[in-house]
Amino acid sequence: MKNILFTLALLISFVSYGQLNELKLGNNLKFKKNNIEFSFKEPLSFEQTSHSYSSDNSNIIVSFLNRQNKILIEAYSTPIPEKFYSDADVFFSNKEKLENLMNQMLPKPLNKIISYKIIKIGSQSFLEVSLISNNIQKQTNWITLYKNNLINIYGTTTTSNFSNIESFLSKFKKSIRIN
């Protein structure tokens, strides 16, 4: 009986590993929203919709869902009033503004921020935030300000699955471009 359980557990882990290995990126896709052109590589084996799974649909650019591996990637572009607009580099250099933005977008206690840092994706500065939401899902957000818009792109899955998709999300992140 123990051999059967061990073999079954091993088989399940190989099947799961194989499924996650199938996470690949295809050709560049382009979308336009609020006079901004977005492009990134298409996540293969994902359903693509213009329906939001986490917010209202008015600001969604695109949503990608992989039901089998429970992965969601979404991109939003939200217009902001001109009086609040700032260059991303200038805005991100102000720690108080940065923390206020995170508290508004990712409020506690619903979200627990694990880490954040300023990174470059292409030539654009982004705030990269890793967090746990509702104690059940882990996600990485890439947030920037561009052409009077707050742009938020994120990838999420269950906390137990996140380590399996980190390298895939890293590849996806490198393909993001905004113009």
N, C-alpha and C. Protein backbone atom coordinates (compact mmCIF):
# COMPACT_ATOMS: atom_id res chain seq x y z
N MET A 1 0.82 -1.20 0.00
CA MET A 1 0.00 0.00 0.00
C MET A 1 0.86 1.26 0.00
N LYS A 2 1.96 1.25 0.81
CA LYS A 2 2.83 2.42 0.86
C LYS A 2 3.47 2.67 -0.51
N ASN A 3 3.83 1.58 -1.21
CA ASN A 3 4.43 1.74 -2.54
C ASN A 3 3.46 2.36 -3.53
N ILE A 4 2.19 1.96 -3.42
CA ILE A 4 1.17 2.53 -4.31
C ILE A 4 1.00 4.02 -4.02
N LEU A 5 0.93 4.40 -2.74
CA LEU A 5 0.78 5.81 -2.37
C LEU A 5 2.00 6.62 -2.81
N PHE A 6 3.19 6.06 -2.62
CA PHE A 6 4.41 6.75 -3.03
C PHE A 6 4.43 6.95 -4.54
N THR A 7 4.08 5.89 -5.29
CA THR A 7 4.06 5.99 -6.75
C THR A 7 3.02 7.01 -7.20
N LEU A 8 1.86 6.99 -6.57
CA LEU A 8 0.81 7.96 -6.90
C LEU A 8 1.27 9.39 -6.61
N ALA A 9 1.89 9.59 -5.46
CA ALA A 9 2.39 10.93 -5.10
C ALA A 9 3.46 11.37 -6.09
N LEU A 10 4.34 10.48 -6.47
CA LEU A 10 5.40 10.80 -7.43
C LEU A 10 4.80 11.14 -8.79
N LEU A 11 3.83 10.35 -9.22
CA LEU A 11 3.17 10.59 -10.49
C LEU A 11 2.47 11.94 -10.50
N ILE A 12 1.76 12.26 -9.42
CA ILE A 12 1.07 13.55 -9.33
C ILE A 12 2.07 14.70 -9.38
N SER A 13 3.20 14.56 -8.70
CA SER A 13 4.19 15.64 -8.72
C SER A 13 4.79 15.81 -10.11
N PHE A 14 5.01 14.70 -10.84
CA PHE A 14 5.52 14.82 -12.21
C PHE A 14 4.49 15.46 -13.13
N VAL A 15 3.23 15.06 -12.98
CA VAL A 15 2.17 15.65 -13.80
C VAL A 15 2.06 17.13 -13.50
N SER A 16 2.06 17.50 -12.23
CA SER A 16 1.99 18.92 -11.86
C SER A 16 3.18 19.68 -12.39
N TYR A 17 4.37 19.08 -12.28
CA TYR A 17 5.58 19.75 -12.76
C TYR A 17 5.47 19.97 -14.26
N GLY A 18 5.00 18.95 -14.97
CA GLY A 18 4.85 19.06 -16.41
C GLY A 18 3.87 20.14 -16.80
N GLN A 19 2.78 20.26 -16.06
CA GLN A 19 1.78 21.27 -16.38
C GLN A 19 2.37 22.67 -16.22
N LEU A 20 3.10 22.88 -15.16
CA LEU A 20 3.69 24.20 -14.95
C LEU A 20 4.81 24.47 -15.94
N ASN A 21 5.48 23.41 -16.39
CA ASN A 21 6.52 23.59 -17.40
C ASN A 21 5.94 24.08 -18.71
N GLU A 22 4.64 23.84 -18.93
CA GLU A 22 4.00 24.25 -20.17
C GLU A 22 3.69 25.74 -20.20
N LEU A 23 3.96 26.46 -19.12
CA LEU A 23 3.71 27.89 -19.11
C LEU A 23 4.75 28.58 -19.98
N LYS A 24 4.29 29.04 -21.12
CA LYS A 24 5.19 29.65 -22.09
C LYS A 24 4.58 30.93 -22.61
N LEU A 25 5.44 31.74 -23.18
CA LEU A 25 4.99 33.00 -23.79
C LEU A 25 5.10 32.88 -25.29
N GLY A 26 4.14 33.48 -25.98
CA GLY A 26 4.12 33.46 -27.43
C GLY A 26 4.57 34.79 -28.01
N ASN A 27 3.90 35.21 -29.06
CA ASN A 27 4.23 36.44 -29.76
C ASN A 27 3.74 37.66 -28.99
N ASN A 28 4.25 38.81 -29.36
CA ASN A 28 3.81 40.07 -28.74
C ASN A 28 2.37 40.37 -29.13
N LEU A 29 1.59 40.77 -28.15
CA LEU A 29 0.23 41.26 -28.36
C LEU A 29 0.24 42.76 -28.12
N LYS A 30 -0.61 43.49 -28.83
CA LYS A 30 -0.71 44.94 -28.63
C LYS A 30 -2.15 45.30 -28.29
N PHE A 31 -2.27 46.23 -27.35
CA PHE A 31 -3.57 46.74 -26.92
C PHE A 31 -3.44 48.25 -26.81
N LYS A 32 -4.55 48.94 -27.00
CA LYS A 32 -4.54 50.39 -26.84
C LYS A 32 -5.66 50.77 -25.87
N LYS A 33 -5.30 51.61 -24.91
CA LYS A 33 -6.28 52.08 -23.92
C LYS A 33 -5.81 53.46 -23.46
N ASN A 34 -6.72 54.42 -23.41
CA ASN A 34 -6.42 55.77 -22.92
C ASN A 34 -5.21 56.40 -23.63
N ASN A 35 -5.15 56.23 -24.94
CA ASN A 35 -4.06 56.77 -25.78
C ASN A 35 -2.69 56.21 -25.42
N ILE A 36 -2.67 55.03 -24.86
CA ILE A 36 -1.41 54.35 -24.53
C ILE A 36 -1.41 53.00 -25.25
N GLU A 37 -0.28 52.69 -25.87
CA GLU A 37 -0.14 51.38 -26.50
C GLU A 37 0.61 50.46 -25.53
N PHE A 38 0.00 49.32 -25.28
CA PHE A 38 0.57 48.31 -24.39
C PHE A 38 0.97 47.11 -25.24
N SER A 39 2.11 46.54 -24.95
CA SER A 39 2.46 45.29 -25.60
C SER A 39 3.19 44.40 -24.60
N PHE A 40 2.96 43.13 -24.74
CA PHE A 40 3.65 42.11 -23.97
C PHE A 40 3.43 40.78 -24.66
N LYS A 41 4.24 39.82 -24.29
CA LYS A 41 4.13 38.50 -24.91
C LYS A 41 2.89 37.79 -24.39
N GLU A 42 2.22 37.11 -25.31
CA GLU A 42 0.99 36.40 -24.97
C GLU A 42 1.28 35.19 -24.09
N PRO A 43 0.64 35.10 -22.92
CA PRO A 43 0.77 33.90 -22.11
C PRO A 43 -0.01 32.76 -22.79
N LEU A 44 0.69 31.75 -23.24
CA LEU A 44 0.04 30.63 -23.92
C LEU A 44 -0.67 29.75 -22.90
N SER A 45 -1.67 29.04 -23.33
CA SER A 45 -2.50 28.18 -22.47
C SER A 45 -3.34 28.99 -21.48
N PHE A 46 -3.61 30.24 -21.82
CA PHE A 46 -4.45 31.12 -21.01
C PHE A 46 -5.64 31.56 -21.84
N GLU A 47 -6.78 31.76 -21.18
CA GLU A 47 -7.94 32.37 -21.83
C GLU A 47 -7.75 33.88 -21.78
N GLN A 48 -7.95 34.54 -22.90
CA GLN A 48 -7.83 36.00 -22.94
C GLN A 48 -9.22 36.62 -22.99
N THR A 49 -9.47 37.58 -22.08
CA THR A 49 -10.75 38.28 -22.09
C THR A 49 -10.53 39.76 -21.82
N SER A 50 -11.58 40.52 -22.00
CA SER A 50 -11.54 41.93 -21.60
C SER A 50 -12.39 42.10 -20.34
N HIS A 51 -12.65 41.00 -19.66
CA HIS A 51 -13.44 41.00 -18.42
C HIS A 51 -12.49 40.97 -17.22
N SER A 52 -12.76 41.79 -16.25
CA SER A 52 -11.95 41.84 -15.04
C SER A 52 -12.44 40.81 -14.03
N TYR A 53 -11.52 40.10 -13.42
CA TYR A 53 -11.87 39.15 -12.37
C TYR A 53 -11.73 39.76 -10.98
N SER A 54 -11.17 40.96 -10.89
CA SER A 54 -10.94 41.53 -9.57
C SER A 54 -11.43 42.95 -9.38
N SER A 55 -11.90 43.59 -10.42
CA SER A 55 -12.31 44.98 -10.31
C SER A 55 -13.42 45.24 -11.32
N ASP A 56 -13.80 46.51 -11.45
CA ASP A 56 -14.79 46.80 -12.47
C ASP A 56 -14.14 46.72 -13.84
N ASN A 57 -14.94 46.66 -14.86
CA ASN A 57 -14.42 46.46 -16.21
C ASN A 57 -14.02 47.75 -16.92
N SER A 58 -14.26 48.90 -16.34
CA SER A 58 -14.04 50.15 -17.06
C SER A 58 -12.57 50.44 -17.34
N ASN A 59 -11.65 49.93 -16.53
CA ASN A 59 -10.24 50.26 -16.72
C ASN A 59 -9.39 49.07 -17.17
N ILE A 60 -10.02 47.94 -17.41
CA ILE A 60 -9.27 46.74 -17.80
C ILE A 60 -8.71 46.89 -19.22
N ILE A 61 -7.49 46.47 -19.40
CA ILE A 61 -6.88 46.40 -20.72
C ILE A 61 -7.09 44.98 -21.25
N VAL A 62 -6.65 44.01 -20.43
CA VAL A 62 -6.79 42.61 -20.81
C VAL A 62 -6.65 41.75 -19.55
N SER A 63 -7.25 40.58 -19.62
CA SER A 63 -7.16 39.61 -18.54
C SER A 63 -6.81 38.26 -19.16
N PHE A 64 -5.86 37.56 -18.53
CA PHE A 64 -5.47 36.23 -18.97
C PHE A 64 -5.70 35.28 -17.79
N LEU A 65 -6.40 34.19 -18.04
CA LEU A 65 -6.71 33.23 -16.99
C LEU A 65 -6.28 31.83 -17.42
N ASN A 66 -5.50 31.17 -16.58
CA ASN A 66 -5.16 29.78 -16.76
C ASN A 66 -5.86 29.02 -15.64
N ARG A 67 -6.99 28.42 -15.97
CA ARG A 67 -7.80 27.73 -14.96
C ARG A 67 -7.09 26.51 -14.39
N GLN A 68 -6.37 25.80 -15.25
CA GLN A 68 -5.72 24.56 -14.82
C GLN A 68 -4.70 24.82 -13.71
N ASN A 69 -3.91 25.86 -13.86
CA ASN A 69 -2.87 26.17 -12.88
C ASN A 69 -3.27 27.29 -11.93
N LYS A 70 -4.52 27.78 -12.05
CA LYS A 70 -5.07 28.82 -11.17
C LYS A 70 -4.19 30.08 -11.18
N ILE A 71 -3.93 30.59 -12.38
CA ILE A 71 -3.10 31.78 -12.55
C ILE A 71 -3.91 32.86 -13.26
N LEU A 72 -3.81 34.08 -12.75
CA LEU A 72 -4.49 35.22 -13.35
C LEU A 72 -3.47 36.32 -13.60
N ILE A 73 -3.47 36.86 -14.80
CA ILE A 73 -2.64 38.02 -15.15
C ILE A 73 -3.60 39.07 -15.69
N GLU A 74 -3.57 40.27 -15.11
CA GLU A 74 -4.45 41.34 -15.57
C GLU A 74 -3.66 42.64 -15.72
N ALA A 75 -4.15 43.48 -16.63
CA ALA A 75 -3.54 44.79 -16.86
C ALA A 75 -4.65 45.84 -16.86
N TYR A 76 -4.40 46.94 -16.15
CA TYR A 76 -5.35 48.05 -16.02
C TYR A 76 -4.67 49.37 -16.35
N SER A 77 -5.44 50.29 -16.90
CA SER A 77 -4.99 51.65 -17.11
C SER A 77 -6.11 52.57 -16.63
N THR A 78 -5.83 53.31 -15.56
CA THR A 78 -6.84 54.14 -14.92
C THR A 78 -6.45 55.61 -15.05
N PRO A 79 -7.27 56.42 -15.74
CA PRO A 79 -6.96 57.85 -15.83
C PRO A 79 -6.93 58.48 -14.44
N ILE A 80 -6.00 59.40 -14.26
CA ILE A 80 -5.92 60.14 -13.01
C ILE A 80 -6.01 61.63 -13.33
N PRO A 81 -6.59 62.41 -12.43
CA PRO A 81 -6.70 63.86 -12.67
C PRO A 81 -5.31 64.48 -12.85
N GLU A 82 -5.24 65.41 -13.78
CA GLU A 82 -3.96 66.01 -14.12
C GLU A 82 -3.26 66.65 -12.91
N LYS A 83 -4.04 67.20 -11.98
CA LYS A 83 -3.42 67.84 -10.81
C LYS A 83 -2.68 66.82 -9.93
N PHE A 84 -3.02 65.53 -10.06
CA PHE A 84 -2.34 64.50 -9.29
C PHE A 84 -1.24 63.80 -10.08
N TYR A 85 -1.13 64.13 -11.37
CA TYR A 85 -0.17 63.45 -12.20
C TYR A 85 1.25 63.86 -11.85
N SER A 86 2.13 62.91 -11.92
CA SER A 86 3.55 63.13 -11.68
C SER A 86 4.33 62.15 -12.54
N ASP A 87 5.53 62.51 -12.90
CA ASP A 87 6.43 61.58 -13.58
C ASP A 87 6.71 60.41 -12.64
N ALA A 88 6.73 59.22 -13.17
CA ALA A 88 6.93 58.03 -12.33
C ALA A 88 8.22 58.11 -11.52
N ASP A 89 9.32 58.53 -12.15
CA ASP A 89 10.60 58.61 -11.43
C ASP A 89 10.54 59.59 -10.27
N VAL A 90 9.90 60.73 -10.50
CA VAL A 90 9.77 61.74 -9.44
C VAL A 90 8.85 61.21 -8.33
N PHE A 91 7.72 60.65 -8.72
CA PHE A 91 6.77 60.13 -7.75
C PHE A 91 7.40 59.01 -6.91
N PHE A 92 8.08 58.08 -7.56
CA PHE A 92 8.65 56.93 -6.86
C PHE A 92 9.82 57.31 -5.94
N SER A 93 10.40 58.48 -6.16
CA SER A 93 11.50 58.90 -5.29
C SER A 93 11.01 59.46 -3.96
N ASN A 94 9.70 59.69 -3.83
CA ASN A 94 9.11 60.21 -2.61
C ASN A 94 8.50 59.04 -1.83
N LYS A 95 9.18 58.60 -0.77
CA LYS A 95 8.75 57.43 -0.02
C LYS A 95 7.35 57.58 0.57
N GLU A 96 7.02 58.78 1.03
CA GLU A 96 5.69 59.01 1.61
C GLU A 96 4.59 58.83 0.56
N LYS A 97 4.78 59.42 -0.63
CA LYS A 97 3.80 59.26 -1.71
C LYS A 97 3.69 57.80 -2.13
N LEU A 98 4.81 57.14 -2.19
CA LEU A 98 4.85 55.74 -2.58
C LEU A 98 4.06 54.87 -1.60
N GLU A 99 4.28 55.08 -0.33
CA GLU A 99 3.57 54.30 0.68
C GLU A 99 2.07 54.64 0.71
N ASN A 100 1.72 55.91 0.48
CA ASN A 100 0.30 56.28 0.39
C ASN A 100 -0.37 55.59 -0.79
N LEU A 101 0.32 55.54 -1.91
CA LEU A 101 -0.22 54.85 -3.09
C LEU A 101 -0.47 53.37 -2.79
N MET A 102 0.50 52.72 -2.18
CA MET A 102 0.35 51.30 -1.86
C MET A 102 -0.79 51.09 -0.86
N ASN A 103 -0.90 51.98 0.14
CA ASN A 103 -1.99 51.84 1.13
C ASN A 103 -3.36 52.03 0.49
N GLN A 104 -3.47 52.89 -0.51
CA GLN A 104 -4.74 53.10 -1.19
C GLN A 104 -5.07 51.96 -2.15
N MET A 105 -4.08 51.52 -2.91
CA MET A 105 -4.31 50.47 -3.90
C MET A 105 -4.39 49.07 -3.28
N LEU A 106 -3.60 48.86 -2.26
CA LEU A 106 -3.45 47.53 -1.66
C LEU A 106 -3.66 47.62 -0.15
N PRO A 107 -4.87 47.96 0.27
CA PRO A 107 -5.10 48.28 1.69
C PRO A 107 -4.92 47.08 2.63
N LYS A 108 -4.46 47.43 3.83
CA LYS A 108 -4.37 46.45 4.91
C LYS A 108 -5.74 46.37 5.56
N PRO A 109 -6.14 45.38 6.22
CA PRO A 109 -5.48 44.11 6.47
C PRO A 109 -5.72 43.09 5.36
N LEU A 110 -6.48 43.49 4.33
CA LEU A 110 -6.76 42.59 3.22
C LEU A 110 -5.48 42.13 2.53
N ASN A 111 -4.52 43.04 2.41
CA ASN A 111 -3.26 42.76 1.72
C ASN A 111 -2.08 42.93 2.67
N LYS A 112 -1.15 42.02 2.59
CA LYS A 112 0.07 42.10 3.36
C LYS A 112 1.24 42.23 2.38
N ILE A 113 1.83 43.42 2.34
CA ILE A 113 2.94 43.66 1.43
C ILE A 113 4.19 42.97 1.96
N ILE A 114 4.78 42.14 1.12
CA ILE A 114 5.98 41.40 1.49
C ILE A 114 7.22 42.23 1.16
N SER A 115 7.23 42.80 -0.05
CA SER A 115 8.37 43.62 -0.46
C SER A 115 7.94 44.54 -1.59
N TYR A 116 8.74 45.59 -1.78
CA TYR A 116 8.53 46.45 -2.94
C TYR A 116 9.86 47.09 -3.31
N LYS A 117 9.96 47.41 -4.60
CA LYS A 117 11.17 48.07 -5.10
C LYS A 117 10.85 48.74 -6.43
N ILE A 118 11.68 49.69 -6.80
CA ILE A 118 11.54 50.38 -8.08
C ILE A 118 12.42 49.64 -9.08
N ILE A 119 11.83 49.30 -10.22
CA ILE A 119 12.57 48.59 -11.26
C ILE A 119 12.35 49.28 -12.60
N LYS A 120 13.14 48.93 -13.57
CA LYS A 120 12.93 49.38 -14.95
C LYS A 120 12.41 48.20 -15.76
N ILE A 121 11.36 48.46 -16.50
CA ILE A 121 10.88 47.51 -17.48
C ILE A 121 10.93 48.26 -18.80
N GLY A 122 11.79 47.84 -19.68
CA GLY A 122 12.08 48.65 -20.86
C GLY A 122 12.72 49.92 -20.37
N SER A 123 12.20 51.06 -20.80
CA SER A 123 12.75 52.35 -20.34
C SER A 123 11.90 52.99 -19.26
N GLN A 124 10.83 52.33 -18.84
CA GLN A 124 9.89 52.90 -17.89
C GLN A 124 10.15 52.40 -16.47
N SER A 125 10.07 53.29 -15.50
CA SER A 125 10.18 52.90 -14.09
C SER A 125 8.84 52.35 -13.61
N PHE A 126 8.90 51.26 -12.87
CA PHE A 126 7.73 50.63 -12.28
C PHE A 126 8.00 50.36 -10.81
N LEU A 127 6.94 50.38 -10.05
CA LEU A 127 6.96 49.92 -8.67
C LEU A 127 6.57 48.45 -8.71
N GLU A 128 7.46 47.58 -8.25
CA GLU A 128 7.16 46.16 -8.19
C GLU A 128 6.82 45.80 -6.75
N VAL A 129 5.60 45.30 -6.53
CA VAL A 129 5.12 44.99 -5.19
C VAL A 129 4.77 43.51 -5.12
N SER A 130 5.33 42.83 -4.14
CA SER A 130 4.95 41.44 -3.86
C SER A 130 4.08 41.45 -2.62
N LEU A 131 2.96 40.72 -2.68
CA LEU A 131 2.05 40.74 -1.53
C LEU A 131 1.24 39.45 -1.45
N ILE A 132 0.66 39.28 -0.27
CA ILE A 132 -0.29 38.20 -0.05
C ILE A 132 -1.64 38.87 0.19
N SER A 133 -2.66 38.37 -0.51
CA SER A 133 -3.99 38.95 -0.41
C SER A 133 -4.95 37.91 0.16
N ASN A 134 -5.75 38.35 1.12
CA ASN A 134 -6.75 37.49 1.75
C ASN A 134 -6.16 36.21 2.35
N ASN A 135 -4.89 36.19 2.62
CA ASN A 135 -4.18 35.02 3.16
C ASN A 135 -4.29 33.78 2.27
N ILE A 136 -4.72 33.94 1.03
CA ILE A 136 -4.85 32.77 0.16
C ILE A 136 -4.16 32.92 -1.19
N GLN A 137 -3.91 34.14 -1.60
CA GLN A 137 -3.25 34.30 -2.90
C GLN A 137 -2.04 35.22 -2.76
N LYS A 138 -1.06 34.94 -3.60
CA LYS A 138 0.15 35.74 -3.63
C LYS A 138 0.24 36.35 -5.02
N GLN A 139 0.68 37.60 -5.07
CA GLN A 139 0.75 38.26 -6.36
C GLN A 139 1.92 39.22 -6.42
N THR A 140 2.28 39.54 -7.66
CA THR A 140 3.25 40.58 -7.93
C THR A 140 2.58 41.60 -8.83
N ASN A 141 2.63 42.88 -8.41
CA ASN A 141 2.09 43.99 -9.19
C ASN A 141 3.24 44.79 -9.78
N TRP A 142 3.05 45.28 -10.99
CA TRP A 142 3.96 46.24 -11.61
C TRP A 142 3.13 47.49 -11.88
N ILE A 143 3.46 48.56 -11.19
CA ILE A 143 2.65 49.78 -11.19
C ILE A 143 3.50 50.94 -11.70
N THR A 144 2.92 51.76 -12.56
CA THR A 144 3.62 52.95 -13.00
C THR A 144 2.61 54.06 -13.32
N LEU A 145 3.14 55.24 -13.53
CA LEU A 145 2.37 56.40 -13.98
C LEU A 145 2.85 56.74 -15.39
N TYR A 146 1.89 56.93 -16.29
CA TYR A 146 2.27 57.23 -17.68
C TYR A 146 1.12 57.93 -18.37
N LYS A 147 1.38 59.06 -19.01
CA LYS A 147 0.38 59.82 -19.75
C LYS A 147 -0.92 60.01 -18.96
N ASN A 148 -0.79 60.52 -17.75
CA ASN A 148 -1.94 60.77 -16.87
C ASN A 148 -2.77 59.53 -16.56
N ASN A 149 -2.11 58.39 -16.49
CA ASN A 149 -2.76 57.13 -16.15
C ASN A 149 -1.96 56.40 -15.10
N LEU A 150 -2.67 55.73 -14.23
CA LEU A 150 -2.06 54.79 -13.30
C LEU A 150 -2.17 53.43 -13.95
N ILE A 151 -1.06 52.79 -14.19
CA ILE A 151 -1.05 51.49 -14.84
C ILE A 151 -0.69 50.44 -13.81
N ASN A 152 -1.50 49.40 -13.75
CA ASN A 152 -1.28 48.30 -12.81
C ASN A 152 -1.39 46.99 -13.58
N ILE A 153 -0.31 46.25 -13.62
CA ILE A 153 -0.28 44.94 -14.25
C ILE A 153 0.14 43.96 -13.17
N TYR A 154 -0.57 42.86 -13.05
CA TYR A 154 -0.19 41.92 -12.00
C TYR A 154 -0.43 40.48 -12.40
N GLY A 155 0.29 39.59 -11.72
CA GLY A 155 0.11 38.16 -11.86
C GLY A 155 -0.14 37.58 -10.49
N THR A 156 -1.10 36.65 -10.38
CA THR A 156 -1.45 36.09 -9.08
C THR A 156 -1.84 34.63 -9.19
N THR A 157 -1.67 33.93 -8.10
CA THR A 157 -2.09 32.54 -7.95
C THR A 157 -2.23 32.26 -6.47
N THR A 158 -2.50 31.02 -6.11
CA THR A 158 -2.57 30.66 -4.70
C THR A 158 -1.19 30.78 -4.07
N THR A 159 -1.14 31.01 -2.77
CA THR A 159 0.17 31.14 -2.10
C THR A 159 1.00 29.88 -2.26
N SER A 160 0.36 28.72 -2.24
CA SER A 160 1.12 27.47 -2.36
C SER A 160 1.66 27.24 -3.77
N ASN A 161 1.09 27.89 -4.77
CA ASN A 161 1.50 27.70 -6.15
C ASN A 161 2.47 28.78 -6.64
N PHE A 162 2.61 29.87 -5.91
CA PHE A 162 3.33 31.03 -6.42
C PHE A 162 4.79 30.72 -6.78
N SER A 163 5.47 29.96 -5.95
CA SER A 163 6.89 29.67 -6.26
C SER A 163 7.04 28.92 -7.58
N ASN A 164 5.99 28.21 -8.00
CA ASN A 164 6.03 27.48 -9.27
C ASN A 164 5.91 28.39 -10.48
N ILE A 165 5.39 29.60 -10.30
CA ILE A 165 5.16 30.48 -11.45
C ILE A 165 6.04 31.73 -11.45
N GLU A 166 6.89 31.89 -10.45
CA GLU A 166 7.71 33.10 -10.36
C GLU A 166 8.56 33.32 -11.60
N SER A 167 9.21 32.28 -12.11
CA SER A 167 10.07 32.48 -13.28
C SER A 167 9.24 32.83 -14.51
N PHE A 168 8.04 32.26 -14.63
CA PHE A 168 7.15 32.60 -15.73
C PHE A 168 6.74 34.07 -15.65
N LEU A 169 6.35 34.53 -14.45
CA LEU A 169 5.98 35.94 -14.29
C LEU A 169 7.15 36.87 -14.57
N SER A 170 8.34 36.44 -14.21
CA SER A 170 9.53 37.25 -14.48
C SER A 170 9.74 37.41 -15.99
N LYS A 171 9.54 36.34 -16.74
CA LYS A 171 9.65 36.42 -18.21
C LYS A 171 8.56 37.32 -18.78
N PHE A 172 7.34 37.18 -18.26
CA PHE A 172 6.24 38.03 -18.71
C PHE A 172 6.57 39.49 -18.44
N LYS A 173 7.04 39.79 -17.25
CA LYS A 173 7.38 41.17 -16.86
C LYS A 173 8.37 41.78 -17.84
N LYS A 174 9.36 41.02 -18.24
CA LYS A 174 10.40 41.55 -19.17
C LYS A 174 9.84 41.89 -20.54
N SER A 175 8.67 41.34 -20.87
CA SER A 175 8.10 41.61 -22.19
C SER A 175 7.18 42.84 -22.21
N ILE A 176 6.87 43.41 -21.04
CA ILE A 176 5.94 44.54 -20.96
C ILE A 176 6.56 45.79 -21.57
N ARG A 177 5.79 46.46 -22.44
CA ARG A 177 6.21 47.74 -23.01
C ARG A 177 4.98 48.65 -23.06
N ILE A 178 5.19 49.93 -22.76
CA ILE A 178 4.13 50.93 -22.91
C ILE A 178 4.67 52.11 -23.71
N ASN A 179 3.83 52.63 -24.59
CA ASN A 179 4.20 53.79 -25.44
C ASN A 179 3.02 54.72 -25.57
